[in-house]
Amino acid sequence: MAYDGTDYAGFQVQHNAPTVQGELEKALSAVCDEPVRVTGAGRTDAGVHASGQVIDFRTASALDGVTIGRGVNALLPQDIAVSALEPAAEDFHARFSATGRTYEYRVRHGRERDPLERRRELHVPGALDVAAMRDASERLLGRKDFSSFAAGPGGVRSVRRAEWCEHDEAQLRFEIAADAFLRGMVRAIVGTLLWVGRGKIDAPTFEKIVAAKDRAMAGPSAPANGLCLIAVNYGDARERQELDEADE
């Protein structure tokens, strides 16, 4: 499923604010004619988008997936849509069965901003040293304690890929894939990498910030509008077991 997170207080249900989960549960409950609870693979924060979110839910409804999906999309707001719906194994869990997630952060650099993309990217006036940002990003790879970038409790995560791609002359896309992410981790990483791009710190200093396990050492979190959950991966049972053993 996909959503524009601009007008929502995140994915997870909150009693005093609109959320993506809240809208999904309302639509599913109406179509299935029973209360439905949804679990998401990634609990994205306020203002964060998704193009590859995965959810699971249980229902006693006799309707097939195509019918449920069509009905739910008819009831959902225009900024949320379900792209596919099918039966899952009894033990499938959208969050805990996942073996990896990939996020993308978009940055437009230079004098001109694009008003049509304002909800999906951060505009950074001026030039950025992309080569230095790529050098620093390589220091993220591997299994490390990423507490320096956590908005809350820290912890160890395995980053498998962290790359800056130039989509055109003005737009950069940072893709980062890991087994899982700490809350606020990607936005804090991007904010600190922008320090590198602006020449405030160099790549070795960035590496020291990673090793410090201290959020006060890192840069400010990049705004939510540039961040998007683009993929969730589900490996076989052996891969999930290896991940569980690595976390022990």
C-alpha atoms as a PDB file:
ATOM      1  CA  MET A   1       0.000   0.000   0.000  1.00  0.00           C
ATOM      2  CA  ALA A   2       0.997   3.648  -0.390  1.00  0.00           C
ATOM      3  CA  TYR A   3       0.191   6.961   1.252  1.00  0.00           C
ATOM      4  CA  ASP A   4       1.091  10.621   1.353  1.00  0.00           C
ATOM      5  CA  GLY A   5       1.800  11.128   5.056  1.00  0.00           C
ATOM      6  CA  THR A   6       1.616  14.936   5.008  1.00  0.00           C
ATOM      7  CA  ASP A   7      -1.751  15.247   6.724  1.00  0.00           C
ATOM      8  CA  TYR A   8      -1.331  12.382   9.198  1.00  0.00           C
ATOM      9  CA  ALA A   9       0.216  12.081  12.641  1.00  0.00           C
ATOM     10  CA  GLY A  10       2.040   8.956  11.530  1.00  0.00           C
ATOM     11  CA  PHE A  11       0.958   5.417  10.702  1.00  0.00           C
ATOM     12  CA  GLN A  12       0.056   4.195  14.180  1.00  0.00           C
ATOM     13  CA  VAL A  13      -3.386   4.887  15.637  1.00  0.00           C
ATOM     14  CA  GLN A  14      -3.700   7.893  17.948  1.00  0.00           C
ATOM     15  CA  HIS A  15      -6.907   8.877  19.689  1.00  0.00           C
ATOM     16  CA  ASN A  16      -6.546  12.627  19.162  1.00  0.00           C
ATOM     17  CA  ALA A  17      -5.139  12.849  15.604  1.00  0.00           C
ATOM     18  CA  PRO A  18      -5.716  11.379  12.125  1.00  0.00           C
ATOM     19  CA  THR A  19      -3.457   8.430  11.248  1.00  0.00           C
ATOM     20  CA  VAL A  20      -3.024   6.080   8.322  1.00  0.00           C
ATOM     21  CA  GLN A  21      -3.829   3.038  10.446  1.00  0.00           C
ATOM     22  CA  GLY A  22      -6.976   4.719  11.707  1.00  0.00           C
ATOM     23  CA  GLU A  23      -8.224   5.381   8.169  1.00  0.00           C
ATOM     24  CA  LEU A  24      -7.407   1.819   7.077  1.00  0.00           C
ATOM     25  CA  GLU A  25      -9.183   0.246  10.021  1.00  0.00           C
ATOM     26  CA  LYS A  26     -12.266   2.394   9.502  1.00  0.00           C
ATOM     27  CA  ALA A  27     -12.490   1.421   5.816  1.00  0.00           C
ATOM     28  CA  LEU A  28     -11.744  -2.274   6.392  1.00  0.00           C
ATOM     29  CA  SER A  29     -14.241  -2.517   9.239  1.00  0.00           C
ATOM     30  CA  ALA A  30     -16.969  -1.075   7.004  1.00  0.00           C
ATOM     31  CA  VAL A  31     -16.198  -3.425   4.094  1.00  0.00           C
ATOM     32  CA  CYS A  32     -15.765  -6.557   6.250  1.00  0.00           C
ATOM     33  CA  ASP A  33     -18.739  -5.648   8.474  1.00  0.00           C
ATOM     34  CA  GLU A  34     -16.762  -6.313  11.657  1.00  0.00           C
ATOM     35  CA  PRO A  35     -14.064  -4.532  13.701  1.00  0.00           C
ATOM     36  CA  VAL A  36     -10.672  -4.955  11.974  1.00  0.00           C
ATOM     37  CA  ARG A  37      -7.267  -4.259  13.507  1.00  0.00           C
ATOM     38  CA  VAL A  38      -4.306  -3.562  11.210  1.00  0.00           C
ATOM     39  CA  THR A  39      -0.577  -4.185  11.747  1.00  0.00           C
ATOM     40  CA  GLY A  40       1.967  -2.281   9.647  1.00  0.00           C
ATOM     41  CA  ALA A  41       5.489  -3.358   8.698  1.00  0.00           C
ATOM     42  CA  GLY A  42       6.796   0.149   9.419  1.00  0.00           C
ATOM     43  CA  ARG A  43       5.340   2.573  11.963  1.00  0.00           C
ATOM     44  CA  THR A  44       6.208   5.698  10.019  1.00  0.00           C
ATOM     45  CA  ASP A  45       6.218   9.023  11.869  1.00  0.00           C
ATOM     46  CA  ALA A  46       4.120  12.113  11.246  1.00  0.00           C
ATOM     47  CA  GLY A  47       4.555  13.472   7.733  1.00  0.00           C
ATOM     48  CA  VAL A  48       6.496  10.445   6.437  1.00  0.00           C
ATOM     49  CA  HIS A  49       5.276   8.767   3.237  1.00  0.00           C
ATOM     50  CA  ALA A  50       5.179   5.181   1.974  1.00  0.00           C
ATOM     51  CA  SER A  51       5.067   3.576  -1.454  1.00  0.00           C
ATOM     52  CA  GLY A  52       5.822   0.026  -0.275  1.00  0.00           C
ATOM     53  CA  GLN A  53       4.167  -0.324   3.142  1.00  0.00           C
ATOM     54  CA  VAL A  54       2.854  -3.804   4.023  1.00  0.00           C
ATOM     55  CA  ILE A  55      -0.027  -4.475   6.408  1.00  0.00           C
ATOM     56  CA  ASP A  56      -1.790  -7.547   7.761  1.00  0.00           C
ATOM     57  CA  PHE A  57      -5.197  -8.074   9.343  1.00  0.00           C
ATOM     58  CA  ARG A  58      -7.580 -10.883  10.231  1.00  0.00           C
ATOM     59  CA  THR A  59     -11.207 -11.072   9.177  1.00  0.00           C
ATOM     60  CA  ALA A  60     -14.014 -13.621   9.141  1.00  0.00           C
ATOM     61  CA  SER A  61     -15.460 -11.980   6.025  1.00  0.00           C
ATOM     62  CA  ALA A  62     -16.201 -14.305   3.107  1.00  0.00           C
ATOM     63  CA  LEU A  63     -15.252 -11.581   0.597  1.00  0.00           C
ATOM     64  CA  ASP A  64     -12.207 -12.247  -1.569  1.00  0.00           C
ATOM     65  CA  GLY A  65      -9.131 -10.016  -1.620  1.00  0.00           C
ATOM     66  CA  VAL A  66     -10.030  -8.233  -4.852  1.00  0.00           C
ATOM     67  CA  THR A  67     -13.477  -7.309  -3.542  1.00  0.00           C
ATOM     68  CA  ILE A  68     -12.138  -6.153  -0.174  1.00  0.00           C
ATOM     69  CA  GLY A  69      -9.398  -4.116  -1.845  1.00  0.00           C
ATOM     70  CA  ARG A  70     -11.817  -2.448  -4.243  1.00  0.00           C
ATOM     71  CA  GLY A  71     -14.220  -1.601  -1.434  1.00  0.00           C
ATOM     72  CA  VAL A  72     -11.498  -0.274   0.861  1.00  0.00           C
ATOM     73  CA  ASN A  73     -10.017   1.976  -1.839  1.00  0.00           C
ATOM     74  CA  ALA A  74     -13.475   3.398  -2.509  1.00  0.00           C
ATOM     75  CA  LEU A  75     -13.725   4.450   1.145  1.00  0.00           C
ATOM     76  CA  LEU A  76     -10.143   5.585   1.795  1.00  0.00           C
ATOM     77  CA  PRO A  77      -9.085   9.240   1.462  1.00  0.00           C
ATOM     78  CA  GLN A  78      -7.353  10.189  -1.795  1.00  0.00           C
ATOM     79  CA  ASP A  79      -3.925  10.189  -0.124  1.00  0.00           C
ATOM     80  CA  ILE A  80      -4.072   6.489   0.894  1.00  0.00           C
ATOM     81  CA  ALA A  81      -4.433   3.481  -1.418  1.00  0.00           C
ATOM     82  CA  VAL A  82      -4.133  -0.308  -1.218  1.00  0.00           C
ATOM     83  CA  SER A  83      -2.331  -1.707  -4.267  1.00  0.00           C
ATOM     84  CA  ALA A  84      -2.769  -5.458  -3.644  1.00  0.00           C
ATOM     85  CA  LEU A  85      -4.527  -7.691  -1.152  1.00  0.00           C
ATOM     86  CA  GLU A  86      -4.176 -11.474  -0.834  1.00  0.00           C
ATOM     87  CA  PRO A  87      -4.384 -14.268   1.776  1.00  0.00           C
ATOM     88  CA  ALA A  88      -1.306 -14.813   3.939  1.00  0.00           C
ATOM     89  CA  ALA A  89       0.033 -17.709   5.981  1.00  0.00           C
ATOM     90  CA  GLU A  90      -1.424 -18.125   9.449  1.00  0.00           C
ATOM     91  CA  ASP A  91       1.886 -17.164  11.085  1.00  0.00           C
ATOM     92  CA  PHE A  92       2.574 -14.138   8.854  1.00  0.00           C
ATOM     93  CA  HIS A  93       3.128 -10.843  10.686  1.00  0.00           C
ATOM     94  CA  ALA A  94       3.715  -7.689   8.645  1.00  0.00           C
ATOM     95  CA  ARG A  95       6.240  -6.334  11.138  1.00  0.00           C
ATOM     96  CA  PHE A  96       7.904  -9.323  12.781  1.00  0.00           C
ATOM     97  CA  SER A  97       8.117 -11.514   9.670  1.00  0.00           C
ATOM     98  CA  ALA A  98      10.002  -8.804   7.784  1.00  0.00           C
ATOM     99  CA  THR A  99      13.721  -9.373   7.172  1.00  0.00           C
ATOM    100  CA  GLY A 100      14.491  -5.930   5.770  1.00  0.00           C
ATOM    101  CA  ARG A 101      13.160  -2.479   4.973  1.00  0.00           C
ATOM    102  CA  THR A 102      14.277   0.215   2.549  1.00  0.00           C
ATOM    103  CA  TYR A 103      13.731   3.949   2.924  1.00  0.00           C
ATOM    104  CA  GLU A 104      14.341   6.747   0.447  1.00  0.00           C
ATOM    105  CA  TYR A 105      15.040  10.388   1.262  1.00  0.00           C
ATOM    106  CA  ARG A 106      14.815  12.998  -1.507  1.00  0.00           C
ATOM    107  CA  VAL A 107      16.817  16.216  -1.510  1.00  0.00           C
ATOM    108  CA  ARG A 108      16.646  19.005  -4.087  1.00  0.00           C
ATOM    109  CA  HIS A 109      19.767  21.168  -3.967  1.00  0.00           C
ATOM    110  CA  GLY A 110      20.389  24.469  -5.697  1.00  0.00           C
ATOM    111  CA  ARG A 111      18.671  27.824  -5.843  1.00  0.00           C
ATOM    112  CA  GLU A 112      15.408  26.740  -7.449  1.00  0.00           C
ATOM    113  CA  ARG A 113      12.794  24.756  -5.552  1.00  0.00           C
ATOM    114  CA  ASP A 114      10.071  22.692  -7.176  1.00  0.00           C
ATOM    115  CA  PRO A 115       6.652  23.613  -5.728  1.00  0.00           C
ATOM    116  CA  LEU A 116       5.065  20.483  -7.245  1.00  0.00           C
ATOM    117  CA  GLU A 117       7.429  18.260  -5.226  1.00  0.00           C
ATOM    118  CA  ARG A 118       7.317  20.192  -1.947  1.00  0.00           C
ATOM    119  CA  ARG A 119       5.492  17.361  -0.144  1.00  0.00           C
ATOM    120  CA  ARG A 120       8.043  14.747  -1.229  1.00  0.00           C
ATOM    121  CA  GLU A 121      11.457  16.386  -0.969  1.00  0.00           C
ATOM    122  CA  LEU A 122      13.638  18.697   1.090  1.00  0.00           C
ATOM    123  CA  HIS A 123      14.916  21.785  -0.696  1.00  0.00           C
ATOM    124  CA  VAL A 124      18.495  22.703   0.251  1.00  0.00           C
ATOM    125  CA  PRO A 125      19.657  26.014  -1.268  1.00  0.00           C
ATOM    126  CA  GLY A 126      23.243  25.923  -2.483  1.00  0.00           C
ATOM    127  CA  ALA A 127      25.649  23.209  -3.530  1.00  0.00           C
ATOM    128  CA  LEU A 128      26.350  19.950  -1.705  1.00  0.00           C
ATOM    129  CA  ASP A 129      29.541  17.879  -1.777  1.00  0.00           C
ATOM    130  CA  VAL A 130      27.928  14.661  -2.973  1.00  0.00           C
ATOM    131  CA  ALA A 131      31.238  12.765  -3.113  1.00  0.00           C
ATOM    132  CA  ALA A 132      31.863  13.496   0.574  1.00  0.00           C
ATOM    133  CA  MET A 133      28.307  12.428   1.442  1.00  0.00           C
ATOM    134  CA  ARG A 134      28.825   9.152  -0.389  1.00  0.00           C
ATOM    135  CA  ASP A 135      32.105   8.586   1.449  1.00  0.00           C
ATOM    136  CA  ALA A 136      30.403   9.199   4.782  1.00  0.00           C
ATOM    137  CA  SER A 137      27.459   6.954   3.911  1.00  0.00           C
ATOM    138  CA  GLU A 138      29.803   3.997   3.481  1.00  0.00           C
ATOM    139  CA  ARG A 139      30.672   4.330   7.189  1.00  0.00           C
ATOM    140  CA  LEU A 140      27.094   3.233   7.997  1.00  0.00           C
ATOM    141  CA  LEU A 141      27.416  -0.233   6.484  1.00  0.00           C
ATOM    142  CA  GLY A 142      27.471  -3.255   8.757  1.00  0.00           C
ATOM    143  CA  ARG A 143      26.037  -4.211  12.125  1.00  0.00           C
ATOM    144  CA  LYS A 144      26.464  -1.319  14.554  1.00  0.00           C
ATOM    145  CA  ASP A 145      24.872   0.482  17.474  1.00  0.00           C
ATOM    146  CA  PHE A 146      23.062   3.433  15.872  1.00  0.00           C
ATOM    147  CA  SER A 147      22.067   5.175  19.102  1.00  0.00           C
ATOM    148  CA  SER A 148      23.593   8.426  17.781  1.00  0.00           C
ATOM    149  CA  PHE A 149      20.633   8.648  15.401  1.00  0.00           C
ATOM    150  CA  ALA A 150      17.805   7.386  17.617  1.00  0.00           C
ATOM    151  CA  ALA A 151      14.826   9.497  18.670  1.00  0.00           C
ATOM    152  CA  GLY A 152      14.428   7.450  21.830  1.00  0.00           C
ATOM    153  CA  PRO A 153      16.022   4.165  22.912  1.00  0.00           C
ATOM    154  CA  GLY A 154      19.041   3.177  20.823  1.00  0.00           C
ATOM    155  CA  GLY A 155      20.143  -0.228  19.648  1.00  0.00           C
ATOM    156  CA  VAL A 156      22.014  -2.369  17.154  1.00  0.00           C
ATOM    157  CA  ARG A 157      20.889  -2.626  13.540  1.00  0.00           C
ATOM    158  CA  SER A 158      22.397  -4.063  10.338  1.00  0.00           C
ATOM    159  CA  VAL A 159      22.637  -1.557   7.482  1.00  0.00           C
ATOM    160  CA  ARG A 160      23.028  -3.393   4.174  1.00  0.00           C
ATOM    161  CA  ARG A 161      23.032  -0.468   1.753  1.00  0.00           C
ATOM    162  CA  ALA A 162      23.365   3.326   2.053  1.00  0.00           C
ATOM    163  CA  GLU A 163      23.707   5.161  -1.269  1.00  0.00           C
ATOM    164  CA  TRP A 164      23.237   8.630  -2.718  1.00  0.00           C
ATOM    165  CA  CYS A 165      21.899   8.605  -6.288  1.00  0.00           C
ATOM    166  CA  GLU A 166      21.656  11.655  -8.518  1.00  0.00           C
ATOM    167  CA  HIS A 167      18.236  11.471 -10.149  1.00  0.00           C
ATOM    168  CA  ASP A 168      18.864  14.623 -12.181  1.00  0.00           C
ATOM    169  CA  GLU A 169      21.086  17.695 -11.920  1.00  0.00           C
ATOM    170  CA  ALA A 170      19.195  19.010  -8.904  1.00  0.00           C
ATOM    171  CA  GLN A 171      17.658  16.004  -7.168  1.00  0.00           C
ATOM    172  CA  LEU A 172      19.435  13.526  -4.909  1.00  0.00           C
ATOM    173  CA  ARG A 173      17.949  10.343  -3.534  1.00  0.00           C
ATOM    174  CA  PHE A 174      19.399   8.632  -0.483  1.00  0.00           C
ATOM    175  CA  GLU A 175      18.435   4.964  -0.222  1.00  0.00           C
ATOM    176  CA  ILE A 176      19.144   3.018   2.935  1.00  0.00           C
ATOM    177  CA  ALA A 177      18.298  -0.642   3.537  1.00  0.00           C
ATOM    178  CA  ALA A 178      18.563  -2.440   6.881  1.00  0.00           C
ATOM    179  CA  ASP A 179      17.076  -5.318   8.833  1.00  0.00           C
ATOM    180  CA  ALA A 180      15.153  -2.740  10.876  1.00  0.00           C
ATOM    181  CA  PHE A 181      15.411   0.902  11.921  1.00  0.00           C
ATOM    182  CA  LEU A 182      15.365   2.798  15.192  1.00  0.00           C
ATOM    183  CA  ARG A 183      12.722   5.492  15.584  1.00  0.00           C
ATOM    184  CA  GLY A 184      13.885   8.650  13.787  1.00  0.00           C
ATOM    185  CA  MET A 185      17.055   6.920  12.573  1.00  0.00           C
ATOM    186  CA  VAL A 186      16.911   7.736   8.858  1.00  0.00           C
ATOM    187  CA  ARG A 187      16.011  11.406   9.313  1.00  0.00           C
ATOM    188  CA  ALA A 188      18.848  11.871  11.825  1.00  0.00           C
ATOM    189  CA  ILE A 189      21.303  10.144   9.493  1.00  0.00           C
ATOM    190  CA  VAL A 190      20.264  12.364   6.577  1.00  0.00           C
ATOM    191  CA  GLY A 191      20.484  15.507   8.698  1.00  0.00           C
ATOM    192  CA  THR A 192      24.036  14.582   9.725  1.00  0.00           C
ATOM    193  CA  LEU A 193      25.035  13.661   6.166  1.00  0.00           C
ATOM    194  CA  LEU A 194      23.864  17.113   5.095  1.00  0.00           C
ATOM    195  CA  TRP A 195      26.429  18.504   7.567  1.00  0.00           C
ATOM    196  CA  VAL A 196      28.990  16.571   5.525  1.00  0.00           C
ATOM    197  CA  GLY A 197      27.601  17.893   2.248  1.00  0.00           C
ATOM    198  CA  ARG A 198      27.793  21.475   3.466  1.00  0.00           C
ATOM    199  CA  GLY A 199      31.373  21.035   4.676  1.00  0.00           C
ATOM    200  CA  LYS A 200      30.559  21.365   8.362  1.00  0.00           C
ATOM    201  CA  ILE A 201      32.141  17.956   9.123  1.00  0.00           C
ATOM    202  CA  ASP A 202      34.106  15.413   7.072  1.00  0.00           C
ATOM    203  CA  ALA A 203      33.536  11.682   6.573  1.00  0.00           C
ATOM    204  CA  PRO A 204      35.935  10.551   9.357  1.00  0.00           C
ATOM    205  CA  THR A 205      34.104  12.833  11.797  1.00  0.00           C
ATOM    206  CA  PHE A 206      30.810  11.338  10.673  1.00  0.00           C
ATOM    207  CA  GLU A 207      32.244   7.896  11.433  1.00  0.00           C
ATOM    208  CA  LYS A 208      33.168   9.072  14.934  1.00  0.00           C
ATOM    209  CA  ILE A 209      29.590  10.301  15.424  1.00  0.00           C
ATOM    210  CA  VAL A 210      28.297   6.829  14.482  1.00  0.00           C
ATOM    211  CA  ALA A 211      30.666   5.228  16.992  1.00  0.00           C
ATOM    212  CA  ALA A 212      29.828   7.709  19.770  1.00  0.00           C
ATOM    213  CA  LYS A 213      26.316   6.263  20.394  1.00  0.00           C
ATOM    214  CA  ASP A 214      25.297   9.743  21.505  1.00  0.00           C
ATOM    215  CA  ARG A 215      22.380  11.559  19.842  1.00  0.00           C
ATOM    216  CA  ALA A 216      23.774  14.918  20.995  1.00  0.00           C
ATOM    217  CA  MET A 217      26.785  14.423  18.711  1.00  0.00           C
ATOM    218  CA  ALA A 218      24.752  14.059  15.509  1.00  0.00           C
ATOM    219  CA  GLY A 219      23.045  16.693  13.397  1.00  0.00           C
ATOM    220  CA  PRO A 220      19.403  17.779  13.464  1.00  0.00           C
ATOM    221  CA  SER A 221      16.818  15.453  11.973  1.00  0.00           C
ATOM    222  CA  ALA A 222      15.932  16.183   8.362  1.00  0.00           C
ATOM    223  CA  PRO A 223      12.256  17.142   7.847  1.00  0.00           C
ATOM    224  CA  ALA A 224       9.723  14.348   7.487  1.00  0.00           C
ATOM    225  CA  ASN A 225       8.468  15.335   4.020  1.00  0.00           C
ATOM    226  CA  GLY A 226      11.537  13.933   2.212  1.00  0.00           C
ATOM    227  CA  LEU A 227      11.259  10.446   3.705  1.00  0.00           C
ATOM    228  CA  CYS A 228       9.426   7.483   2.166  1.00  0.00           C
ATOM    229  CA  LEU A 229       9.237   3.769   3.046  1.00  0.00           C
ATOM    230  CA  ILE A 230       9.689   2.187  -0.382  1.00  0.00           C
ATOM    231  CA  ALA A 231      10.091  -1.552   0.282  1.00  0.00           C
ATOM    232  CA  VAL A 232       9.667  -4.293   2.888  1.00  0.00           C
ATOM    233  CA  ASN A 233      11.385  -7.641   2.381  1.00  0.00           C
ATOM    234  CA  TYR A 234      10.335 -11.064   3.658  1.00  0.00           C
ATOM    235  CA  GLY A 235      12.963 -13.812   3.585  1.00  0.00           C
ATOM    236  CA  ASP A 236      12.660 -17.504   4.335  1.00  0.00           C
ATOM    237  CA  ALA A 237      12.445 -19.003   7.821  1.00  0.00           C
ATOM    238  CA  ARG A 238      16.209 -19.602   8.040  1.00  0.00           C
ATOM    239  CA  GLU A 239      16.965 -15.941   7.276  1.00  0.00           C
ATOM    240  CA  ARG A 240      14.512 -14.809   9.965  1.00  0.00           C
ATOM    241  CA  GLN A 241      16.109 -17.220  12.451  1.00  0.00           C
ATOM    242  CA  GLU A 242      19.571 -15.834  11.676  1.00  0.00           C
ATOM    243  CA  LEU A 243      18.293 -12.301  12.298  1.00  0.00           C
ATOM    244  CA  ASP A 244      16.710 -13.352  15.598  1.00  0.00           C
ATOM    245  CA  GLU A 245      19.950 -15.038  16.718  1.00  0.00           C
ATOM    246  CA  ALA A 246      21.963 -11.941  15.771  1.00  0.00           C
ATOM    247  CA  ASP A 247      19.732  -9.801  17.991  1.00  0.00           C
ATOM    248  CA  GLU A 248      20.241 -12.002  21.060  1.00  0.00           C
END
